[in-house]
């Protein structure tokens, strides 16, 4: 009992440090990086100056733009971010209106908008902690998973400027937590609300993560199937009852936005067709835009010529500013080692007879969906790079971070338990390896933010002094 009490107290201390540490680092970045283009460093976050036009409009007029207003169009491109799902911008815009009751400072309003995403990040950190408790019984790996997800340098970065990605990341954590609770505890109101809330936030924030919604639906339905003599049997009544409940909540949460888009955009409820029309009408130099597709080159040629995989990995781990501030080479090498060790551990688990025996049809289906959630953002990034404009930005891959980090940490846990003949890793050796993993994550993040990003931000101006 005393040991359990000590562990609980230690976990409370670690949880406090985990949340406050994330908040401190996110605030440090949010209050330092500039809004406007800042050559030659280009330390401004990607596209924030264009995204910020939408919450500025909402703050100024107290209404949601149609997306076609001239004052929110992106110069050169001709369209606006108001055509996309704008729920995070709505929250930011009305928070800015509240702040404007006390100050007219443009810098204060910008910080208010950014702090909405910092809040999304803190909420995500709390949900990831709840998810880690469900996924890992060993406290060492539970916390490694939590810190790995939230303290990846790029994960902190995405929660520090005006975008919709931050809300999307919170949504993925909520959906995964709801699904894991469903499979561990059974269907309930609580699990249904977690899944519904995650689907709503995802649907209203970021198209690139819609694969999570599909996986959530498939895994929800799969829960009601049971293998019995003669094949599979489905419990139709509870599936339909709870499915209709979740669907009703989701439709209430997102229906207003898509109905509104259908009305104001002449039937284009996703806004994608309107975007192309505006690009044709108001875009500058569109006829000069060359893509790998228009030049008749293959996807494989693009991947080889531009080193897409390496660039995507680097900017997935740490690339601040407009992909202009990078960490030291050692950090990327250590993260390759980290993910490589995780992959090796997962492979060793699959090669063991015990691991194969535990892989039931339901577990295989669950893991297939998680692999899909990891690969889907990468496929979309390659598609956009090939057909629109070449950008191998690792932030596009972040929706797959939680399942990716789960497999990395689970693989490392398997390596710590691996036995080869009579040899097994001693406990002190396993602990030393775990400490090394923590050092990669925490020391790498502190180095990236405090020693590499902040000094550049301080040279650009327009930061808190």
Protein backbone atom coordinates (compact mmCIF):
# COMPACT_ATOMS: atom_id res chain seq x y z
CA UNK A 1 0.00 0.00 0.00
CA UNK A 2 2.80 2.42 0.86
CA UNK A 3 4.54 1.63 -2.42
CA UNK A 4 1.35 2.30 -4.37
CA UNK A 5 0.90 5.58 -2.49
CA UNK A 6 4.43 6.66 -3.30
CA UNK A 7 3.93 5.83 -6.97
CA UNK A 8 0.69 7.80 -7.08
CA UNK A 9 2.38 10.81 -5.48
CA UNK A 10 5.29 10.51 -7.88
CA UNK A 11 2.87 10.32 -10.83
CA UNK A 12 1.12 13.48 -9.63
CA UNK A 13 4.44 15.30 -9.49
CA UNK A 14 5.42 14.05 -12.96
CA UNK A 15 1.99 14.94 -14.36
CA UNK A 16 2.28 18.48 -12.99
CA UNK A 17 5.76 18.86 -14.48
CA UNK A 18 4.61 17.31 -17.77
CA UNK A 19 1.71 19.76 -18.19
CA UNK A 20 3.47 22.86 -16.85
CA UNK A 21 6.62 22.07 -18.82
CA UNK A 22 4.63 21.81 -22.05
CA UNK A 23 2.80 25.05 -21.25
CA UNK A 24 6.04 26.90 -20.49
CA UNK A 25 7.74 25.75 -23.70
CA UNK A 26 4.68 26.44 -25.85
CA UNK A 27 4.29 29.94 -24.38
CA UNK A 28 7.99 30.62 -24.94
CA UNK A 29 7.59 29.91 -28.65
CA UNK A 30 4.13 31.50 -29.03
CA UNK A 31 5.27 34.80 -27.52
CA UNK A 32 8.52 34.93 -29.48
CA UNK A 33 8.12 34.04 -33.12
CA UNK A 34 7.10 36.84 -35.51
CA UNK A 35 3.98 37.13 -37.65
CA UNK A 36 5.30 38.71 -40.83
CA UNK A 37 7.93 37.42 -43.26
CA UNK A 38 11.35 38.12 -41.83
CA UNK A 39 14.10 37.66 -44.42
CA UNK A 40 16.73 36.35 -44.42
CA UNK A 41 15.81 34.07 -41.48
CA UNK A 42 12.11 33.62 -42.40
CA UNK A 43 11.40 32.83 -38.77
CA UNK A 44 7.64 33.37 -39.11
CA UNK A 45 5.44 30.26 -38.81
CA UNK A 46 4.25 28.81 -42.15
CA UNK A 47 1.27 30.68 -43.62
CA UNK A 48 0.31 32.28 -40.30
CA UNK A 49 0.05 35.74 -41.86
CA UNK A 50 -2.54 34.33 -44.31
CA UNK A 51 -4.39 32.24 -41.74
CA UNK A 52 -4.53 35.10 -39.25
CA UNK A 53 -6.63 37.14 -41.70
CA UNK A 54 -9.65 34.93 -40.88
CA UNK A 55 -9.77 35.43 -37.07
CA UNK A 56 -8.94 39.10 -37.67
CA UNK A 57 -12.05 39.37 -39.86
CA UNK A 58 -14.20 37.64 -37.23
CA UNK A 59 -12.77 39.92 -34.53
CA UNK A 60 -13.43 43.03 -36.62
CA UNK A 61 -16.97 42.27 -37.83
CA UNK A 62 -18.27 39.68 -35.36
CA UNK A 63 -19.31 37.25 -38.10
CA UNK A 64 -17.87 34.30 -40.02
CA UNK A 65 -16.58 35.19 -43.51
CA UNK A 66 -17.81 33.37 -46.59
CA UNK A 67 -14.20 32.92 -47.66
CA UNK A 68 -14.61 35.07 -50.78
CA UNK A 69 -14.03 38.48 -49.15
CA UNK A 70 -11.18 40.41 -50.72
CA UNK A 71 -9.60 41.40 -47.40
CA UNK A 72 -8.89 37.79 -46.42
CA UNK A 73 -7.62 36.57 -49.78
CA UNK A 74 -4.05 35.32 -49.83
CA UNK A 75 -1.97 37.63 -52.05
CA UNK A 76 -0.80 35.84 -55.17
CA UNK A 77 -2.91 32.72 -54.61
CA UNK A 78 -6.29 34.43 -54.92
CA UNK A 79 -8.23 32.26 -52.43
CA UNK A 80 -8.53 32.38 -48.66
CA UNK A 81 -8.39 30.07 -45.67
CA UNK A 82 -11.95 31.12 -44.94
CA UNK A 83 -13.09 28.52 -47.48
CA UNK A 84 -11.82 25.68 -45.32
CA UNK A 85 -13.14 24.47 -41.99
CA UNK A 86 -12.69 27.44 -39.67
CA UNK A 87 -13.84 26.34 -36.21
CA UNK A 88 -10.45 27.09 -34.58
CA UNK A 89 -10.44 30.49 -36.30
CA UNK A 90 -13.94 31.17 -34.96
CA UNK A 91 -12.77 30.47 -31.41
CA UNK A 92 -9.70 32.64 -31.94
CA UNK A 93 -11.74 35.46 -33.49
CA UNK A 94 -14.21 35.69 -30.62
CA UNK A 95 -11.47 35.41 -28.00
CA UNK A 96 -9.81 38.34 -29.78
CA UNK A 97 -13.08 40.29 -29.62
CA UNK A 98 -13.16 39.71 -25.86
CA UNK A 99 -9.54 40.80 -25.46
CA UNK A 100 -10.27 43.91 -27.55
CA UNK A 101 -12.59 45.09 -24.76
CA UNK A 102 -9.44 45.73 -22.71
CA UNK A 103 -6.78 46.61 -25.29
CA UNK A 104 -6.44 47.61 -28.94
CA UNK A 105 -2.88 46.33 -29.14
CA UNK A 106 -2.39 44.41 -32.38
CA UNK A 107 0.32 42.37 -30.70
CA UNK A 108 -2.01 41.55 -27.81
CA UNK A 109 -4.70 40.34 -30.22
CA UNK A 110 -2.18 38.17 -32.06
CA UNK A 111 -1.07 36.62 -28.79
CA UNK A 112 -4.71 36.00 -27.83
CA UNK A 113 -5.24 34.04 -31.06
CA UNK A 114 -2.07 32.02 -30.54
CA UNK A 115 -2.96 31.23 -26.93
CA UNK A 116 -6.12 29.48 -28.12
CA UNK A 117 -3.89 26.91 -29.81
CA UNK A 118 -1.62 26.72 -26.77
CA UNK A 119 -4.77 25.81 -24.83
CA UNK A 120 -5.62 23.12 -27.40
CA UNK A 121 -2.11 21.77 -26.84
CA UNK A 122 -2.49 21.60 -23.06
CA UNK A 123 -5.86 19.83 -23.47
CA UNK A 124 -4.23 17.38 -25.87
CA UNK A 125 -1.44 16.72 -23.35
CA UNK A 126 -4.09 15.83 -20.74
CA UNK A 127 -5.89 13.45 -23.14
CA UNK A 128 -2.59 11.84 -24.17
CA UNK A 129 -1.89 11.22 -20.48
CA UNK A 130 -5.28 9.48 -20.11
CA UNK A 131 -4.53 7.47 -23.25
CA UNK A 132 -1.09 6.48 -21.97
CA UNK A 133 -2.65 5.13 -18.76
CA UNK A 134 -4.84 2.88 -20.90
CA UNK A 135 -2.11 1.68 -23.25
CA UNK A 136 0.85 1.04 -20.93
CA UNK A 137 0.80 -0.70 -17.56
CA UNK A 138 4.52 0.00 -16.98
CA UNK A 139 4.89 3.57 -15.70
CA UNK A 140 8.27 4.01 -17.38
CA UNK A 141 6.86 3.47 -20.84
CA UNK A 142 3.58 5.24 -20.09
CA UNK A 143 5.44 8.47 -19.41
CA UNK A 144 7.83 7.87 -22.30
CA UNK A 145 4.79 7.70 -24.59
CA UNK A 146 3.31 10.91 -23.15
CA UNK A 147 6.55 12.88 -23.38
CA UNK A 148 7.29 11.41 -26.80
CA UNK A 149 3.99 12.65 -28.22
CA UNK A 150 3.85 16.08 -26.62
CA UNK A 151 7.55 17.00 -26.37
CA UNK A 152 8.54 16.19 -29.93
CA UNK A 153 9.81 19.65 -30.98
CA UNK A 154 7.44 19.85 -33.94
CA UNK A 155 4.51 18.77 -31.76
CA UNK A 156 5.09 21.77 -29.49
CA UNK A 157 5.55 24.06 -32.49
CA UNK A 158 2.19 23.19 -34.03
CA UNK A 159 0.39 24.48 -30.91
CA UNK A 160 2.05 27.92 -30.89
CA UNK A 161 0.69 29.85 -33.89
CA UNK A 162 -2.58 30.44 -35.72
CA UNK A 163 -3.60 27.29 -37.58
CA UNK A 164 -6.21 24.52 -37.57
CA UNK A 165 -3.68 21.70 -37.08
CA UNK A 166 -3.57 22.18 -33.30
CA UNK A 167 -7.30 21.51 -32.88
CA UNK A 168 -6.99 18.54 -35.23
CA UNK A 169 -4.25 17.01 -33.06
CA UNK A 170 -6.49 17.29 -30.00
CA UNK A 171 -9.28 15.64 -32.02
CA UNK A 172 -7.12 12.63 -32.95
CA UNK A 173 -6.22 12.09 -29.28
CA UNK A 174 -9.90 12.25 -28.28
CA UNK A 175 -10.98 9.76 -30.94
CA UNK A 176 -8.23 7.30 -30.07
CA UNK A 177 -8.98 7.57 -26.36
CA UNK A 178 -12.67 6.92 -26.99
CA UNK A 179 -11.91 3.87 -29.14
CA UNK A 180 -9.43 2.41 -26.62
CA UNK A 181 -11.95 2.90 -23.79
CA UNK A 182 -14.61 1.22 -25.95
CA UNK A 183 -12.48 -1.89 -26.45
CA UNK A 184 -11.38 -2.05 -22.81
CA UNK A 185 -14.59 -1.11 -20.99
CA UNK A 186 -17.38 -1.66 -23.47
CA UNK A 187 -19.79 0.86 -24.93
CA UNK A 188 -20.99 3.68 -22.67
CA UNK A 189 -22.09 7.30 -22.72
CA UNK A 190 -18.59 8.42 -21.77
CA UNK A 191 -16.91 6.58 -24.63
CA UNK A 192 -19.55 7.76 -27.09
CA UNK A 193 -19.01 11.39 -26.09
CA UNK A 194 -15.24 11.09 -26.44
CA UNK A 195 -15.61 9.67 -29.95
CA UNK A 196 -18.31 12.18 -30.92
CA UNK A 197 -16.31 15.14 -29.64
CA UNK A 198 -13.18 14.01 -31.45
CA UNK A 199 -15.04 13.50 -34.73
CA UNK A 200 -16.67 16.93 -34.46
CA UNK A 201 -13.40 18.75 -33.80
CA UNK A 202 -11.63 16.82 -36.56
CA UNK A 203 -14.39 17.45 -39.11
CA UNK A 204 -14.38 21.18 -38.32
CA UNK A 205 -10.62 21.65 -38.40
CA UNK A 206 -8.50 19.70 -40.90
CA UNK A 207 -9.36 17.65 -44.00
CA UNK A 208 -6.03 15.79 -43.94
CA UNK A 209 -7.04 13.95 -40.75
CA UNK A 210 -10.41 12.73 -42.02
CA UNK A 211 -8.96 9.23 -42.24
CA UNK A 212 -9.23 9.12 -38.44
CA UNK A 213 -12.98 9.63 -38.73
CA UNK A 214 -13.22 6.69 -41.12
CA UNK A 215 -11.09 4.50 -38.82
CA UNK A 216 -13.15 5.54 -35.80
CA UNK A 217 -16.34 4.45 -37.58
CA UNK A 218 -14.84 1.14 -38.72
CA UNK A 219 -13.43 0.31 -35.29
CA UNK A 220 -16.72 1.24 -33.61
CA UNK A 221 -18.59 -1.14 -35.91
CA UNK A 222 -15.97 -3.90 -35.51
CA UNK A 223 -16.46 -3.85 -31.73
CA UNK A 224 -19.94 -5.35 -32.12
CA UNK A 225 -18.76 -8.34 -34.14
CA UNK A 226 -17.92 -11.59 -32.37
CA UNK A 227 -16.38 -14.73 -33.79
CA UNK A 228 -18.55 -17.71 -32.97
CA UNK A 229 -19.01 -21.19 -34.32
CA UNK A 230 -19.83 -20.92 -37.98
CA UNK A 231 -18.37 -17.42 -38.49
CA UNK A 232 -18.92 -13.85 -37.36
CA UNK A 233 -21.98 -12.66 -35.49
CA UNK A 234 -22.96 -9.00 -35.19
CA UNK A 235 -24.95 -7.50 -32.32
CA UNK A 236 -27.04 -5.26 -34.54
CA UNK A 237 -29.34 -3.69 -31.96
CA UNK A 238 -26.71 -2.12 -29.66
CA UNK A 239 -24.59 -1.15 -32.67
CA UNK A 240 -27.49 0.71 -34.29
CA UNK A 241 -28.66 2.24 -31.00
CA UNK A 242 -25.26 3.63 -30.02
CA UNK A 243 -24.32 4.36 -33.64
CA UNK A 244 -27.43 6.49 -34.12
CA UNK A 245 -26.68 8.33 -30.88
CA UNK A 246 -23.11 9.15 -31.92
CA UNK A 247 -24.27 10.10 -35.43
CA UNK A 248 -26.91 12.45 -34.04
CA UNK A 249 -24.39 14.20 -31.79
CA UNK A 250 -21.89 14.52 -34.64
CA UNK A 251 -24.50 15.86 -37.09
CA UNK A 252 -25.61 18.44 -34.55
CA UNK A 253 -22.00 19.45 -34.08
CA UNK A 254 -20.93 19.73 -37.71
CA UNK A 255 -24.14 19.98 -39.74
CA UNK A 256 -24.44 23.76 -39.34
CA UNK A 257 -21.06 24.36 -40.97
CA UNK A 258 -21.55 22.17 -44.04
CA UNK A 259 -25.12 23.41 -44.56
CA UNK A 260 -23.86 26.98 -44.35
CA UNK A 261 -21.04 26.23 -46.82
CA UNK A 262 -23.51 24.58 -49.20
CA UNK A 263 -25.68 27.71 -49.13
CA UNK A 264 -23.06 30.47 -49.34
CA UNK A 265 -20.79 28.61 -51.79
CA UNK A 266 -23.51 27.50 -54.22
CA UNK A 267 -23.48 23.82 -53.34
CA UNK A 268 -19.73 23.48 -52.68
CA UNK A 269 -20.00 22.25 -49.08
CA UNK A 270 -16.25 21.46 -48.83
CA UNK A 271 -15.09 24.71 -50.44
CA UNK A 272 -12.55 22.97 -52.66
CA UNK A 273 -14.20 23.78 -56.00
CA UNK A 274 -14.62 27.42 -54.94
CA UNK A 275 -10.95 27.56 -54.05
CA UNK A 276 -9.98 26.54 -57.59
CA UNK A 277 -12.36 29.11 -59.11
CA UNK A 278 -10.88 31.86 -56.95
CA UNK A 279 -7.38 30.76 -57.83
CA UNK A 280 -8.26 31.05 -61.53
CA UNK A 281 -9.95 34.44 -61.10
CA UNK A 282 -7.63 36.21 -58.67
CA UNK A 283 -4.43 34.17 -58.58
CA UNK A 284 -1.24 35.70 -59.94
CA UNK A 285 1.14 33.66 -62.07
CA UNK A 286 -0.94 30.47 -61.98
CA UNK A 287 -0.07 29.77 -65.61
CA UNK A 288 3.63 29.80 -64.65
CA UNK A 289 3.20 27.27 -61.85
CA UNK A 290 4.97 24.04 -62.72
CA UNK A 291 4.27 20.80 -60.89
CA UNK A 292 5.84 17.40 -61.27
CA UNK A 293 2.53 16.15 -62.63
CA UNK A 294 2.22 18.92 -65.25
CA UNK A 295 5.82 18.27 -66.36
CA UNK A 296 5.03 14.60 -66.90
CA UNK A 297 7.48 13.39 -64.27
CA UNK A 298 6.77 10.43 -62.01
CA UNK A 299 6.17 10.44 -58.27
CA UNK A 300 9.30 8.32 -57.81
CA UNK A 301 11.36 10.90 -59.68
CA UNK A 302 10.08 13.61 -57.32
CA UNK A 303 10.86 11.52 -54.25
CA UNK A 304 14.42 10.84 -55.46
CA UNK A 305 15.26 14.27 -56.84
CA UNK A 306 14.04 16.38 -53.93
CA UNK A 307 14.95 13.93 -51.17
CA UNK A 308 11.35 14.03 -49.98
CA UNK A 309 11.59 11.29 -47.36
CA UNK A 310 14.62 12.77 -45.61
CA UNK A 311 13.19 16.29 -45.72
CA UNK A 312 9.82 15.16 -44.42
CA UNK A 313 11.44 13.31 -41.53
CA UNK A 314 13.59 16.29 -40.55
CA UNK A 315 10.65 18.70 -40.56
CA UNK A 316 8.46 16.13 -38.76
CA UNK A 317 10.93 16.07 -35.88
CA UNK A 318 12.00 19.72 -35.71
CA UNK A 319 11.75 22.56 -38.25
CA UNK A 320 10.67 25.94 -36.90
CA UNK A 321 9.96 29.18 -38.71
CA UNK A 322 9.09 28.65 -42.37
CA UNK A 323 11.17 25.45 -42.40
CA UNK A 324 14.16 27.70 -41.83
CA UNK A 325 15.27 26.86 -38.26
CA UNK A 326 16.55 23.32 -37.78
CA UNK A 327 17.97 21.38 -34.86
CA UNK A 328 21.51 20.03 -34.75
CA UNK A 329 22.21 16.93 -36.88
CA UNK A 330 22.60 14.83 -33.74
CA UNK A 331 18.92 15.22 -32.85
CA UNK A 332 17.71 13.76 -36.16
CA UNK A 333 20.18 10.89 -35.89
CA UNK A 334 19.02 10.08 -32.36
CA UNK A 335 15.36 10.16 -33.39
CA UNK A 336 16.18 7.78 -36.24
CA UNK A 337 17.73 5.51 -33.63
CA UNK A 338 14.66 5.93 -31.40
CA UNK A 339 12.13 5.05 -34.11
CA UNK A 340 14.41 2.37 -35.53
CA UNK A 341 14.64 0.66 -32.13
CA UNK A 342 10.86 0.82 -31.84
CA UNK A 343 10.42 -0.75 -35.28
CA UNK A 344 12.92 -3.50 -34.42
CA UNK A 345 11.06 -4.24 -31.17
CA UNK A 346 7.70 -4.48 -32.96
CA UNK A 347 9.24 -6.79 -35.54
CA UNK A 348 10.72 -9.03 -32.84
CA UNK A 349 7.30 -9.23 -31.17
CA UNK A 350 5.68 -10.32 -34.45
CA UNK A 351 8.36 -12.94 -34.98
CA UNK A 352 7.69 -14.54 -31.62
CA UNK A 353 5.15 -17.35 -31.45
CA UNK A 354 3.52 -15.69 -28.43
CA UNK A 355 3.07 -12.45 -30.37
CA UNK A 356 1.52 -14.17 -33.38
CA UNK A 357 -0.80 -16.20 -31.15
CA UNK A 358 -2.17 -13.06 -29.48
CA UNK A 359 -2.99 -11.44 -32.83
CA UNK A 360 -6.71 -12.12 -33.05
CA UNK A 361 -8.75 -10.89 -35.98
CA UNK A 362 -10.01 -7.91 -33.98
CA UNK A 363 -6.48 -6.91 -32.92
CA UNK A 364 -5.24 -7.21 -36.49
CA UNK A 365 -8.08 -5.00 -37.70
CA UNK A 366 -7.35 -2.43 -34.98
CA UNK A 367 -3.65 -2.28 -35.84
CA UNK A 368 -4.43 -2.13 -39.56
CA UNK A 369 -6.47 1.00 -38.88
CA UNK A 370 -3.67 2.53 -36.83
CA UNK A 371 -1.17 1.86 -39.64
CA UNK A 372 -3.64 3.51 -42.02
CA UNK A 373 -3.79 6.58 -39.75
CA UNK A 374 0.01 6.82 -39.87
CA UNK A 375 0.32 6.36 -43.65
CA UNK A 376 -2.66 8.45 -44.73
CA UNK A 377 -1.08 11.88 -43.95
CA UNK A 378 2.09 10.83 -45.78
CA UNK A 379 0.17 9.76 -48.88
CA UNK A 380 -1.72 13.08 -48.89
CA UNK A 381 1.52 15.04 -48.49
CA UNK A 382 3.06 13.25 -51.48
CA UNK A 383 -0.13 13.78 -53.52
CA UNK A 384 -0.23 17.52 -52.83
CA UNK A 385 3.49 17.88 -53.50
CA UNK A 386 3.14 16.08 -56.82
CA UNK A 387 -0.06 17.70 -58.11
CA UNK A 388 -0.02 21.22 -56.58
CA UNK A 389 3.18 22.68 -55.17
CA UNK A 390 6.20 20.85 -53.84
CA UNK A 391 6.22 21.07 -50.04
CA UNK A 392 7.52 18.17 -47.97
CA UNK A 393 6.54 19.79 -44.68
CA UNK A 394 6.65 17.33 -41.81
CA UNK A 395 3.81 19.14 -40.02
CA UNK A 396 1.47 17.55 -42.57
CA UNK A 397 2.46 14.18 -41.07
CA UNK A 398 1.69 15.09 -37.46
CA UNK A 399 -1.86 13.63 -37.46
CA UNK A 400 -0.17 10.21 -37.46
CA UNK A 401 2.03 11.05 -34.45
CA UNK A 402 0.08 9.30 -31.67
CA UNK A 403 -0.12 5.81 -33.23
CA UNK A 404 3.44 6.17 -34.52
CA UNK A 405 4.73 7.03 -31.04
CA UNK A 406 2.70 4.18 -29.56
CA UNK A 407 4.41 1.63 -31.81
CA UNK A 408 7.84 3.19 -31.18
CA UNK A 409 7.45 3.02 -27.39
CA UNK A 410 5.78 -0.40 -27.47
CA UNK A 411 8.65 -1.68 -29.59
CA UNK A 412 11.22 -0.32 -27.15
CA UNK A 413 9.32 -1.98 -24.32
CA UNK A 414 9.46 -5.29 -26.19
CA UNK A 415 13.22 -4.91 -26.66
CA UNK A 416 13.62 -4.41 -22.91
CA UNK A 417 11.82 -7.73 -22.32
CA UNK A 418 13.44 -9.66 -25.16
CA UNK A 419 15.09 -12.99 -24.38
CA UNK A 420 17.52 -14.63 -26.81
CA UNK A 421 18.26 -18.11 -25.55
CA UNK A 422 19.39 -17.69 -21.96
CA UNK A 423 20.29 -14.03 -22.43
CA UNK A 424 17.97 -11.23 -21.38
CA UNK A 425 18.67 -7.55 -20.82
CA UNK A 426 19.33 -6.85 -17.11
CA UNK A 427 16.94 -4.44 -15.44
CA UNK A 428 19.64 -1.78 -15.01
CA UNK A 429 20.42 -1.99 -18.72
CA UNK A 430 16.76 -1.54 -19.64
CA UNK A 431 16.46 1.44 -17.28
CA UNK A 432 19.58 3.00 -18.76
CA UNK A 433 18.11 2.68 -22.25
CA UNK A 434 14.83 4.24 -21.11
CA UNK A 435 16.67 7.17 -19.52
CA UNK A 436 18.53 7.67 -22.80
CA UNK A 437 15.19 7.86 -24.63
CA UNK A 438 13.95 10.51 -22.20
CA UNK A 439 17.15 12.49 -22.73
CA UNK A 440 16.66 12.43 -26.51
CA UNK A 441 13.16 13.85 -26.16
CA UNK A 442 13.64 16.45 -23.42
CA UNK A 443 17.20 17.62 -24.11
CA UNK A 444 16.48 17.75 -27.85
CA UNK A 445 13.40 19.90 -27.32
CA UNK A 446 15.14 22.30 -24.94
CA UNK A 447 18.05 22.64 -27.37
CA UNK A 448 15.73 23.27 -30.32
CA UNK A 449 13.65 25.92 -28.58
CA UNK A 450 16.04 27.73 -26.26
CA UNK A 451 19.32 27.51 -28.15
CA UNK A 452 18.25 27.48 -31.80
CA UNK A 453 14.79 29.01 -32.29
CA UNK A 454 14.56 31.74 -29.63
CA UNK A 455 17.88 33.44 -30.59
CA UNK A 456 16.61 33.74 -34.18
CA UNK A 457 13.25 35.07 -33.00
CA UNK A 458 14.98 37.72 -30.91
CA UNK A 459 16.70 39.08 -34.04
CA UNK A 460 13.50 39.49 -36.03
CA UNK A 461 11.56 41.98 -33.91
CA UNK A 462 7.80 42.03 -33.23
CA UNK A 463 8.09 39.82 -30.19
CA UNK A 464 7.21 40.26 -26.54
CA UNK A 465 9.85 42.37 -24.77
